[in-house]
Every structure is written in structure tokens, then in C-alpha cells.
C-alpha atoms as a PDB file:
ATOM      1  CA  UNK A   1     114.425  31.000 189.183  1.00  0.00           C
ATOM      2  CA  UNK A   2     117.104  28.470 188.290  1.00  0.00           C
ATOM      3  CA  UNK A   3     116.217  24.935 187.325  1.00  0.00           C
ATOM      4  CA  UNK A   4     118.694  22.074 187.537  1.00  0.00           C
ATOM      5  CA  UNK A   5     118.198  19.585 184.706  1.00  0.00           C
ATOM      6  CA  UNK A   6     120.161  16.393 184.213  1.00  0.00           C
ATOM      7  CA  UNK A   7     122.032  16.528 180.902  1.00  0.00           C
ATOM      8  CA  UNK A   8     123.299  12.973 180.688  1.00  0.00           C
ATOM      9  CA  UNK A   9     120.700  10.204 180.479  1.00  0.00           C
ATOM     10  CA  UNK A  10     120.281   6.484 180.089  1.00  0.00           C
ATOM     11  CA  UNK A  11     116.603   6.502 179.174  1.00  0.00           C
ATOM     12  CA  UNK A  12     113.689   8.887 178.612  1.00  0.00           C
ATOM     13  CA  UNK A  13     112.807   8.572 182.312  1.00  0.00           C
ATOM     14  CA  UNK A  14     116.001  10.493 183.150  1.00  0.00           C
ATOM     15  CA  UNK A  15     114.824  13.522 181.163  1.00  0.00           C
ATOM     16  CA  UNK A  16     112.329  16.331 181.890  1.00  0.00           C
ATOM     17  CA  UNK A  17     108.863  16.211 180.381  1.00  0.00           C
ATOM     18  CA  UNK A  18     108.624  17.120 176.670  1.00  0.00           C
ATOM     19  CA  UNK A  19     112.120  15.716 176.071  1.00  0.00           C
ATOM     20  CA  UNK A  20     113.596  12.334 175.225  1.00  0.00           C
ATOM     21  CA  UNK A  21     116.971  10.652 175.721  1.00  0.00           C
ATOM     22  CA  UNK A  22     119.118  10.563 172.592  1.00  0.00           C
ATOM     23  CA  UNK A  23     121.047   7.288 172.827  1.00  0.00           C
ATOM     24  CA  UNK A  24     123.746   8.560 170.473  1.00  0.00           C
ATOM     25  CA  UNK A  25     124.738  11.485 172.680  1.00  0.00           C
ATOM     26  CA  UNK A  26     123.136  10.397 176.003  1.00  0.00           C
ATOM     27  CA  UNK A  27     121.582  13.876 176.131  1.00  0.00           C
ATOM     28  CA  UNK A  28     118.008  15.098 176.687  1.00  0.00           C
ATOM     29  CA  UNK A  29     116.492  16.562 173.495  1.00  0.00           C
ATOM     30  CA  UNK A  30     113.179  18.413 173.129  1.00  0.00           C
ATOM     31  CA  UNK A  31     110.315  16.707 171.268  1.00  0.00           C
ATOM     32  CA  UNK A  32     108.429  17.989 168.247  1.00  0.00           C
ATOM     33  CA  UNK A  33     110.674  20.782 167.112  1.00  0.00           C
ATOM     34  CA  UNK A  34     112.346  19.052 164.182  1.00  0.00           C
ATOM     35  CA  UNK A  35     115.681  20.463 163.061  1.00  0.00           C
ATOM     36  CA  UNK A  36     116.266  23.830 164.703  1.00  0.00           C
ATOM     37  CA  UNK A  37     117.983  26.806 163.085  1.00  0.00           C
ATOM     38  CA  UNK A  38     117.799  29.257 165.982  1.00  0.00           C
ATOM     39  CA  UNK A  39     117.371  29.166 169.747  1.00  0.00           C
ATOM     40  CA  UNK A  40     113.880  30.514 169.118  1.00  0.00           C
ATOM     41  CA  UNK A  41     113.012  27.213 167.399  1.00  0.00           C
ATOM     42  CA  UNK A  42     113.497  25.429 170.732  1.00  0.00           C
ATOM     43  CA  UNK A  43     111.381  25.438 173.918  1.00  0.00           C
ATOM     44  CA  UNK A  44     112.298  27.941 176.615  1.00  0.00           C
ATOM     45  CA  UNK A  45     114.987  26.364 178.783  1.00  0.00           C
ATOM     46  CA  UNK A  46     116.779  24.695 175.870  1.00  0.00           C
ATOM     47  CA  UNK A  47     119.056  25.911 173.095  1.00  0.00           C
ATOM     48  CA  UNK A  48     119.728  25.044 169.465  1.00  0.00           C
ATOM     49  CA  UNK A  49     122.941  23.221 168.593  1.00  0.00           C
ATOM     50  CA  UNK A  50     123.325  24.303 164.967  1.00  0.00           C
ATOM     51  CA  UNK A  51     125.889  21.571 164.346  1.00  0.00           C
ATOM     52  CA  UNK A  52     123.218  18.853 164.449  1.00  0.00           C
ATOM     53  CA  UNK A  53     119.972  20.854 164.558  1.00  0.00           C
ATOM     54  CA  UNK A  54     118.948  19.501 167.958  1.00  0.00           C
ATOM     55  CA  UNK A  55     117.432  21.309 170.961  1.00  0.00           C
ATOM     56  CA  UNK A  56     119.439  20.617 174.127  1.00  0.00           C
ATOM     57  CA  UNK A  57     118.812  21.391 177.802  1.00  0.00           C
ATOM     58  CA  UNK A  58     121.856  22.599 179.800  1.00  0.00           C
ATOM     59  CA  UNK A  59     122.430  21.688 183.447  1.00  0.00           C
ATOM     60  CA  UNK A  60     121.177  25.152 184.453  1.00  0.00           C
ATOM     61  CA  UNK A  61     118.395  26.036 182.070  1.00  0.00           C
ATOM     62  CA  UNK A  62     116.766  29.282 183.223  1.00  0.00           C
ATOM     63  CA  UNK A  63     118.304  32.681 184.005  1.00  0.00           C
ATOM     64  CA  UNK A  64     117.894  36.413 184.246  1.00  0.00           C
ATOM     65  CA  UNK A  65     121.565  37.404 183.811  1.00  0.00           C
ATOM     66  CA  UNK A  66     124.627  35.654 182.392  1.00  0.00           C
ATOM     67  CA  UNK A  67     125.916  34.898 185.882  1.00  0.00           C
ATOM     68  CA  UNK A  68     122.956  32.590 186.528  1.00  0.00           C
ATOM     69  CA  UNK A  69     124.273  30.167 183.903  1.00  0.00           C
ATOM     70  CA  UNK A  70     127.154  27.736 184.263  1.00  0.00           C
ATOM     71  CA  UNK A  71     130.621  28.544 182.903  1.00  0.00           C
ATOM     72  CA  UNK A  72     130.724  28.894 179.124  1.00  0.00           C
ATOM     73  CA  UNK A  73     127.014  29.768 178.902  1.00  0.00           C
ATOM     74  CA  UNK A  74     125.120  33.073 178.678  1.00  0.00           C
ATOM     75  CA  UNK A  75     121.538  34.227 179.270  1.00  0.00           C
ATOM     76  CA  UNK A  76     119.609  34.808 176.030  1.00  0.00           C
ATOM     77  CA  UNK A  77     116.525  36.834 175.094  1.00  0.00           C
ATOM     78  CA  UNK A  78     114.241  33.998 176.333  1.00  0.00           C
ATOM     79  CA  UNK A  79     115.835  34.002 179.809  1.00  0.00           C
ATOM     80  CA  UNK A  80     117.355  30.654 178.891  1.00  0.00           C
ATOM     81  CA  UNK A  81     120.978  29.570 179.215  1.00  0.00           C
ATOM     82  CA  UNK A  82     122.820  28.801 175.990  1.00  0.00           C
ATOM     83  CA  UNK A  83     126.496  28.372 174.994  1.00  0.00           C
ATOM     84  CA  UNK A  84     128.282  31.707 174.645  1.00  0.00           C
ATOM     85  CA  UNK A  85     127.731  33.002 171.118  1.00  0.00           C
ATOM     86  CA  UNK A  86     130.439  33.253 168.498  1.00  0.00           C
ATOM     87  CA  UNK A  87     130.838  36.300 166.307  1.00  0.00           C
ATOM     88  CA  UNK A  88     131.452  39.926 167.134  1.00  0.00           C
ATOM     89  CA  UNK A  89     128.307  41.283 168.723  1.00  0.00           C
ATOM     90  CA  UNK A  90     124.556  41.365 169.173  1.00  0.00           C
ATOM     91  CA  UNK A  91     124.271  44.906 170.593  1.00  0.00           C
ATOM     92  CA  UNK A  92     126.509  47.997 170.796  1.00  0.00           C
ATOM     93  CA  UNK A  93     127.414  47.114 174.374  1.00  0.00           C
ATOM     94  CA  UNK A  94     129.304  44.044 173.106  1.00  0.00           C
ATOM     95  CA  UNK A  95     131.765  46.405 171.394  1.00  0.00           C
ATOM     96  CA  UNK A  96     134.031  49.176 172.671  1.00  0.00           C
ATOM     97  CA  UNK A  97     131.436  51.783 171.647  1.00  0.00           C
ATOM     98  CA  UNK A  98     130.238  55.019 173.179  1.00  0.00           C
ATOM     99  CA  UNK A  99     132.881  57.436 171.850  1.00  0.00           C
ATOM    100  CA  UNK A 100     133.923  58.669 168.433  1.00  0.00           C
ATOM    101  CA  UNK A 101     136.966  56.375 168.605  1.00  0.00           C
ATOM    102  CA  UNK A 102     134.985  53.297 169.693  1.00  0.00           C
ATOM    103  CA  UNK A 103     132.965  50.677 167.837  1.00  0.00           C
ATOM    104  CA  UNK A 104     129.284  50.011 167.214  1.00  0.00           C
ATOM    105  CA  UNK A 105     127.517  46.745 166.405  1.00  0.00           C
ATOM    106  CA  UNK A 106     126.549  47.048 162.716  1.00  0.00           C
ATOM    107  CA  UNK A 107     124.992  43.938 161.151  1.00  0.00           C
ATOM    108  CA  UNK A 108     126.535  41.816 163.947  1.00  0.00           C
ATOM    109  CA  UNK A 109     130.073  43.117 163.371  1.00  0.00           C
ATOM    110  CA  UNK A 110     131.918  45.541 165.666  1.00  0.00           C
ATOM    111  CA  UNK A 111     132.569  48.484 163.337  1.00  0.00           C
ATOM    112  CA  UNK A 112     134.655  51.605 164.066  1.00  0.00           C
ATOM    113  CA  UNK A 113     132.407  54.647 164.413  1.00  0.00           C
ATOM    114  CA  UNK A 114     134.471  56.427 161.748  1.00  0.00           C
ATOM    115  CA  UNK A 115     133.401  53.763 159.232  1.00  0.00           C
ATOM    116  CA  UNK A 116     129.680  54.190 159.917  1.00  0.00           C
ATOM    117  CA  UNK A 117     127.401  56.824 158.411  1.00  0.00           C
ATOM    118  CA  UNK A 118     126.815  60.262 159.908  1.00  0.00           C
ATOM    119  CA  UNK A 119     124.923  61.975 157.073  1.00  0.00           C
ATOM    120  CA  UNK A 120     122.191  60.900 154.667  1.00  0.00           C
ATOM    121  CA  UNK A 121     124.394  61.154 151.574  1.00  0.00           C
ATOM    122  CA  UNK A 122     126.487  58.269 152.926  1.00  0.00           C
ATOM    123  CA  UNK A 123     123.478  55.935 152.583  1.00  0.00           C
ATOM    124  CA  UNK A 124     121.690  54.579 149.541  1.00  0.00           C
ATOM    125  CA  UNK A 125     118.780  56.459 147.987  1.00  0.00           C
ATOM    126  CA  UNK A 126     115.660  56.288 150.157  1.00  0.00           C
ATOM    127  CA  UNK A 127     117.650  55.835 153.383  1.00  0.00           C
ATOM    128  CA  UNK A 128     118.519  58.289 156.127  1.00  0.00           C
ATOM    129  CA  UNK A 129     121.410  58.008 158.575  1.00  0.00           C
ATOM    130  CA  UNK A 130     119.962  57.527 162.082  1.00  0.00           C
ATOM    131  CA  UNK A 131     122.334  56.789 164.970  1.00  0.00           C
ATOM    132  CA  UNK A 132     125.085  55.572 162.641  1.00  0.00           C
ATOM    133  CA  UNK A 133     122.809  53.178 160.739  1.00  0.00           C
ATOM    134  CA  UNK A 134     121.228  53.650 157.338  1.00  0.00           C
ATOM    135  CA  UNK A 135     117.481  53.337 157.997  1.00  0.00           C
ATOM    136  CA  UNK A 136     114.865  53.086 155.263  1.00  0.00           C
ATOM    137  CA  UNK A 137     112.445  56.007 155.115  1.00  0.00           C
ATOM    138  CA  UNK A 138     108.851  54.777 155.120  1.00  0.00           C
ATOM    139  CA  UNK A 139     105.186  55.679 154.822  1.00  0.00           C
ATOM    140  CA  UNK A 140     101.842  53.851 154.934  1.00  0.00           C
ATOM    141  CA  UNK A 141     102.566  51.925 151.713  1.00  0.00           C
ATOM    142  CA  UNK A 142     106.245  51.109 152.395  1.00  0.00           C
ATOM    143  CA  UNK A 143     107.364  47.501 152.770  1.00  0.00           C
ATOM    144  CA  UNK A 144     109.936  47.572 155.559  1.00  0.00           C
ATOM    145  CA  UNK A 145     112.751  44.995 155.777  1.00  0.00           C
ATOM    146  CA  UNK A 146     112.051  41.818 157.713  1.00  0.00           C
ATOM    147  CA  UNK A 147     112.325  42.401 161.464  1.00  0.00           C
ATOM    148  CA  UNK A 148     111.374  46.092 161.245  1.00  0.00           C
ATOM    149  CA  UNK A 149     108.211  48.200 161.195  1.00  0.00           C
ATOM    150  CA  UNK A 150     107.475  51.777 160.156  1.00  0.00           C
ATOM    151  CA  UNK A 151     107.747  54.089 163.169  1.00  0.00           C
ATOM    152  CA  UNK A 152     108.294  57.854 163.072  1.00  0.00           C
ATOM    153  CA  UNK A 153     108.773  57.598 159.260  1.00  0.00           C
ATOM    154  CA  UNK A 154     111.691  55.144 159.658  1.00  0.00           C
ATOM    155  CA  UNK A 155     111.789  51.347 159.389  1.00  0.00           C
ATOM    156  CA  UNK A 156     112.782  50.620 163.003  1.00  0.00           C
ATOM    157  CA  UNK A 157     113.767  47.257 164.540  1.00  0.00           C
ATOM    158  CA  UNK A 158     110.932  45.456 166.326  1.00  0.00           C
ATOM    159  CA  UNK A 159     112.127  44.781 169.872  1.00  0.00           C
ATOM    160  CA  UNK A 160     110.757  41.735 171.705  1.00  0.00           C
ATOM    161  CA  UNK A 161     108.627  40.581 168.774  1.00  0.00           C
ATOM    162  CA  UNK A 162     108.867  36.897 169.644  1.00  0.00           C
ATOM    163  CA  UNK A 163     110.005  34.341 172.196  1.00  0.00           C
ATOM    164  CA  UNK A 164     109.774  31.373 169.858  1.00  0.00           C
ATOM    165  CA  UNK A 165     109.273  30.839 166.126  1.00  0.00           C
ATOM    166  CA  UNK A 166     105.603  29.879 166.561  1.00  0.00           C
ATOM    167  CA  UNK A 167     104.940  33.597 167.177  1.00  0.00           C
ATOM    168  CA  UNK A 168     106.338  34.585 163.759  1.00  0.00           C
ATOM    169  CA  UNK A 169     103.927  35.295 160.892  1.00  0.00           C
ATOM    170  CA  UNK A 170     104.734  32.332 158.614  1.00  0.00           C
ATOM    171  CA  UNK A 171     106.958  29.314 158.070  1.00  0.00           C
ATOM    172  CA  UNK A 172     109.425  31.432 156.078  1.00  0.00           C
ATOM    173  CA  UNK A 173     110.536  33.271 159.223  1.00  0.00           C
ATOM    174  CA  UNK A 174     112.282  32.241 162.431  1.00  0.00           C
ATOM    175  CA  UNK A 175     112.639  33.908 165.827  1.00  0.00           C
ATOM    176  CA  UNK A 176     116.200  35.272 165.971  1.00  0.00           C
ATOM    177  CA  UNK A 177     117.175  37.110 169.178  1.00  0.00           C
ATOM    178  CA  UNK A 178     113.578  38.195 169.743  1.00  0.00           C
ATOM    179  CA  UNK A 179     112.905  39.294 166.156  1.00  0.00           C
ATOM    180  CA  UNK A 180     111.135  37.403 163.345  1.00  0.00           C
ATOM    181  CA  UNK A 181     113.547  37.257 160.393  1.00  0.00           C
ATOM    182  CA  UNK A 182     113.057  35.697 156.966  1.00  0.00           C
ATOM    183  CA  UNK A 183     115.538  33.025 155.936  1.00  0.00           C
ATOM    184  CA  UNK A 184     117.863  33.935 153.088  1.00  0.00           C
ATOM    185  CA  UNK A 185     116.793  30.859 151.108  1.00  0.00           C
ATOM    186  CA  UNK A 186     113.318  32.431 150.977  1.00  0.00           C
ATOM    187  CA  UNK A 187     114.836  35.498 149.304  1.00  0.00           C
ATOM    188  CA  UNK A 188     116.152  38.812 150.655  1.00  0.00           C
ATOM    189  CA  UNK A 189     115.403  42.164 149.026  1.00  0.00           C
ATOM    190  CA  UNK A 190     118.963  43.229 148.132  1.00  0.00           C
ATOM    191  CA  UNK A 191     118.016  46.929 147.999  1.00  0.00           C
ATOM    192  CA  UNK A 192     116.973  47.052 151.651  1.00  0.00           C
ATOM    193  CA  UNK A 193     118.266  43.810 153.218  1.00  0.00           C
ATOM    194  CA  UNK A 194     121.459  41.830 153.657  1.00  0.00           C
ATOM    195  CA  UNK A 195     121.903  38.087 154.246  1.00  0.00           C
ATOM    196  CA  UNK A 196     123.800  37.588 157.509  1.00  0.00           C
ATOM    197  CA  UNK A 197     126.310  34.857 158.325  1.00  0.00           C
ATOM    198  CA  UNK A 198     123.572  32.802 160.014  1.00  0.00           C
ATOM    199  CA  UNK A 199     121.426  32.777 156.863  1.00  0.00           C
ATOM    200  CA  UNK A 200     118.756  35.365 157.782  1.00  0.00           C
ATOM    201  CA  UNK A 201     117.638  38.537 156.003  1.00  0.00           C
ATOM    202  CA  UNK A 202     118.462  41.591 158.107  1.00  0.00           C
ATOM    203  CA  UNK A 203     117.694  45.270 157.454  1.00  0.00           C
ATOM    204  CA  UNK A 204     120.467  47.010 155.559  1.00  0.00           C
ATOM    205  CA  UNK A 205     122.140  49.335 158.069  1.00  0.00           C
ATOM    206  CA  UNK A 206     125.328  50.105 156.148  1.00  0.00           C
ATOM    207  CA  UNK A 207     125.736  51.539 152.651  1.00  0.00           C
ATOM    208  CA  UNK A 208     124.909  49.215 149.761  1.00  0.00           C
ATOM    209  CA  UNK A 209     128.272  47.878 148.521  1.00  0.00           C
ATOM    210  CA  UNK A 210     126.934  47.988 144.945  1.00  0.00           C
ATOM    211  CA  UNK A 211     126.021  51.669 145.241  1.00  0.00           C
ATOM    212  CA  UNK A 212     128.475  54.584 144.963  1.00  0.00           C
ATOM    213  CA  UNK A 213     130.004  55.249 148.368  1.00  0.00           C
ATOM    214  CA  UNK A 214     131.738  58.331 149.781  1.00  0.00           C
ATOM    215  CA  UNK A 215     134.109  56.266 151.951  1.00  0.00           C
ATOM    216  CA  UNK A 216     137.675  56.094 150.643  1.00  0.00           C
ATOM    217  CA  UNK A 217     141.312  55.418 151.475  1.00  0.00           C
ATOM    218  CA  UNK A 218     142.917  57.585 148.776  1.00  0.00           C
ATOM    219  CA  UNK A 219     141.966  59.652 145.710  1.00  0.00           C
ATOM    220  CA  UNK A 220     142.001  56.554 143.494  1.00  0.00           C
ATOM    221  CA  UNK A 221     138.883  55.324 145.318  1.00  0.00           C
ATOM    222  CA  UNK A 222     136.914  58.442 144.385  1.00  0.00           C
ATOM    223  CA  UNK A 223     136.586  58.316 140.586  1.00  0.00           C
ATOM    224  CA  UNK A 224     137.897  61.835 139.888  1.00  0.00           C
ATOM    225  CA  UNK A 225     137.124  63.532 143.200  1.00  0.00           C
ATOM    226  CA  UNK A 226     139.374  63.897 146.261  1.00  0.00           C
ATOM    227  CA  UNK A 227     139.625  61.660 149.307  1.00  0.00           C
ATOM    228  CA  UNK A 228     139.468  63.935 152.373  1.00  0.00           C
ATOM    229  CA  UNK A 229     139.482  62.345 155.843  1.00  0.00           C
ATOM    230  CA  UNK A 230     137.964  59.138 154.497  1.00  0.00           C
ATOM    231  CA  UNK A 231     135.218  60.752 152.370  1.00  0.00           C
ATOM    232  CA  UNK A 232     135.108  61.457 148.652  1.00  0.00           C
ATOM    233  CA  UNK A 233     134.754  65.192 148.041  1.00  0.00           C
ATOM    234  CA  UNK A 234     134.077  67.038 144.793  1.00  0.00           C
ATOM    235  CA  UNK A 235     136.088  70.220 144.253  1.00  0.00           C
ATOM    236  CA  UNK A 236     134.225  73.526 143.756  1.00  0.00           C
ATOM    237  CA  UNK A 237     135.062  77.259 143.719  1.00  0.00           C
ATOM    238  CA  UNK A 238     133.564  79.350 146.501  1.00  0.00           C
ATOM    239  CA  UNK A 239     134.471  82.532 144.573  1.00  0.00           C
ATOM    240  CA  UNK A 240     132.407  81.562 141.499  1.00  0.00           C
ATOM    241  CA  UNK A 241     129.133  83.487 140.834  1.00  0.00           C
ATOM    242  CA  UNK A 242     127.033  80.390 141.716  1.00  0.00           C
ATOM    243  CA  UNK A 243     129.431  78.212 143.735  1.00  0.00           C
ATOM    244  CA  UNK A 244     126.816  75.616 144.671  1.00  0.00           C
ATOM    245  CA  UNK A 245     125.760  74.811 141.093  1.00  0.00           C
ATOM    246  CA  UNK A 246     128.606  72.384 140.382  1.00  0.00           C
ATOM    247  CA  UNK A 247     128.016  70.547 143.646  1.00  0.00           C
ATOM    248  CA  UNK A 248     124.259  70.260 143.070  1.00  0.00           C
ATOM    249  CA  UNK A 249     124.768  68.998 139.521  1.00  0.00           C
ATOM    250  CA  UNK A 250     127.215  66.353 140.755  1.00  0.00           C
ATOM    251  CA  UNK A 251     125.113  65.058 143.637  1.00  0.00           C
ATOM    252  CA  UNK A 252     121.833  66.537 144.871  1.00  0.00           C
ATOM    253  CA  UNK A 253     122.530  65.203 148.370  1.00  0.00           C
ATOM    254  CA  UNK A 254     125.793  67.189 148.579  1.00  0.00           C
ATOM    255  CA  UNK A 255     124.744  70.522 147.023  1.00  0.00           C
ATOM    256  CA  UNK A 256     126.779  73.155 148.870  1.00  0.00           C
ATOM    257  CA  UNK A 257     130.260  74.513 148.173  1.00  0.00           C
ATOM    258  CA  UNK A 258     132.062  74.848 151.491  1.00  0.00           C
ATOM    259  CA  UNK A 259     134.675  77.416 152.543  1.00  0.00           C
ATOM    260  CA  UNK A 260     137.447  74.927 151.723  1.00  0.00           C
ATOM    261  CA  UNK A 261     136.240  74.692 148.080  1.00  0.00           C
ATOM    262  CA  UNK A 262     134.807  71.200 148.563  1.00  0.00           C
ATOM    263  CA  UNK A 263     131.179  70.053 148.222  1.00  0.00           C
ATOM    264  CA  UNK A 264     129.136  69.273 151.358  1.00  0.00           C
ATOM    265  CA  UNK A 265     125.653  68.323 152.464  1.00  0.00           C
ATOM    266  CA  UNK A 266     123.869  71.116 154.340  1.00  0.00           C
ATOM    267  CA  UNK A 267     123.763  68.984 157.486  1.00  0.00           C
ATOM    268  CA  UNK A 268     127.558  68.573 157.416  1.00  0.00           C
ATOM    269  CA  UNK A 269     128.137  72.310 157.557  1.00  0.00           C
ATOM    270  CA  UNK A 270     125.698  72.619 160.474  1.00  0.00           C
ATOM    271  CA  UNK A 271     126.264  69.325 162.266  1.00  0.00           C
ATOM    272  CA  UNK A 272     125.039  68.765 165.858  1.00  0.00           C
ATOM    273  CA  UNK A 273     126.146  65.194 166.465  1.00  0.00           C
ATOM    274  CA  UNK A 274     128.162  62.168 165.380  1.00  0.00           C
ATOM    275  CA  UNK A 275     126.612  59.449 167.579  1.00  0.00           C
ATOM    276  CA  UNK A 276     123.419  59.196 169.638  1.00  0.00           C
ATOM    277  CA  UNK A 277     125.178  59.983 172.917  1.00  0.00           C
ATOM    278  CA  UNK A 278     125.980  63.463 171.535  1.00  0.00           C
ATOM    279  CA  UNK A 279     122.245  64.268 171.741  1.00  0.00           C
ATOM    280  CA  UNK A 280     119.988  64.993 174.740  1.00  0.00           C
ATOM    281  CA  UNK A 281     118.096  62.071 176.268  1.00  0.00           C
ATOM    282  CA  UNK A 282     115.172  60.992 174.114  1.00  0.00           C
ATOM    283  CA  UNK A 283     116.682  62.328 170.874  1.00  0.00           C
ATOM    284  CA  UNK A 284     118.493  60.530 168.069  1.00  0.00           C
ATOM    285  CA  UNK A 285     121.293  61.652 165.759  1.00  0.00           C
ATOM    286  CA  UNK A 286     119.651  61.758 162.313  1.00  0.00           C
ATOM    287  CA  UNK A 287     121.602  63.126 159.348  1.00  0.00           C
ATOM    288  CA  UNK A 288     124.017  64.847 161.739  1.00  0.00           C
ATOM    289  CA  UNK A 289     121.243  66.667 163.668  1.00  0.00           C
ATOM    290  CA  UNK A 290     119.732  65.871 167.091  1.00  0.00           C
ATOM    291  CA  UNK A 291     115.993  65.228 166.623  1.00  0.00           C
END
């Protein structure tokens, strides 16, 4: 149901309940929320203007789809209208994804599928490649990155965790697009998290830039191995008595000598999928296999 709210005001009497009239901007601002950092810091029906940290109520405040909002606004995770967001993406659907030549939303940036992971060896130690993202493997004692929980042995994003920041576990976290995320100034775990452009710790879903990476542009990027179709490959000899030994000694995640005399992970030589849509409904593409 839409709700028309007067934006411009002369006094508090012109504003809805729980808001006051800011004489400097002649706009209605929500009470008792201090300086906001995210839309989740504001009451439903208002949005956070990060330029001044104030919660503002647009002329059309409530929505179910973007079309319910006035021009230049979109419907957010709280069913509230807010100014259209900057940046690349929030979900894969914001990008030209869906095919091997498209893009996926990785850490809020539209990234070509070819530059995302397909196999475990393309991720840091302790991670597996699930649906083109490096996900942390977990167990009962694992600390998952902020905004995720251990599900099916992977640290998976928590969907719909919060509507506002009061539902988050402590004052170090804020509600960001329905997920409670820790602020970077409270410290991110660099091994499993990255600090995004908005200042929040997000799960690491791309290879650690400080760790060795198989992605390359030419042989010079590969420290002695060959760059083949964007991946660093170690040379081996399939005719040798134990052709896999050199590969296994170089990298235990890429232990097999392939028919082209280059080292591969087992999953690469028996790959089922590249992206999730290659798999049957209900299955994910994990380490190149539908599971």
C-alpha cells in the first residue's frame, strides 16, 4: 500500500509522527536514529542520506516493486522507497549474467564470468568454489564471515536476517540490504572478509589478492609456469613413469598431469558445470561439479 508523505515542511506539524521538520532543509527527518550509515538504520518508509547522515521520507514511502516509487527511486529490502543506488550491483540480476559470456555480481561489482572461480584451486586455502564464489568451508567450530552462517558445510549468506539495525546482534553491526554486517572500523578478518566501498566487512567471495592466484594475462604473470586461457599451468610429461608426481609436488590442489602435458585439478578433467544454471534445479556448481 502506497503512502503519500509531504516532503517539504514549515514546522513539525507538517510532518508524519516520529519525524520532525529540519529548518535547514525544510524536510521531514526521523527522530531518535542519530547519524545513519545504512537504510536499515532508518525507520521503514524512510531512507538514509549518507551525505549528511539523516533519515528522510520520500513523497511515496512504501512499495512492493520499483514501479511503486516515484521517478529516480527504487524499492528496497524493507519495501521502502529510496533513491536509486549507485555502484554496479546488489544481485546477479543487476548484471548481464546467466551465460558464460555474461557477468555476475561479485562483492557488489559486475564481474565477467571468465574472471570468477570455477574450481577450488582458484580460491584460497580453506575455501571451495560454489556458484562462481569462493565460499569458506565450515564445521561446528568455524567462525563464518559476518553476514553468513554455516549451512551444508559452507558459510552461506543469511537472507532476510534483518529489517533494521536494532535486529542485529550488537552495536558493531548494521543492517545492510537485509544482512547484519560488521563495520570495517570494528575490524575485518582479512583471511575471510573484505572491506567494501561502503565501509562494511563482507565475506570474501573472490580469491585473496595477497595469495597466489592462477589467473593471468601472459606467462610473466605465472612465476615460471605457462599462462593458458587465463590460468597459470605447470608443465608436466604424460609419458613419464609417474606423470602426476610433479604436479602434486607443485600444488596438491592441481595434482594430475593432463593429456596436453599440463597440470590440472581432478574436477577440471571431469567438469560438469561452469555456472549454477548449468546444473539441474536445486543443485549448485561446486568445484566444477553439480551437487
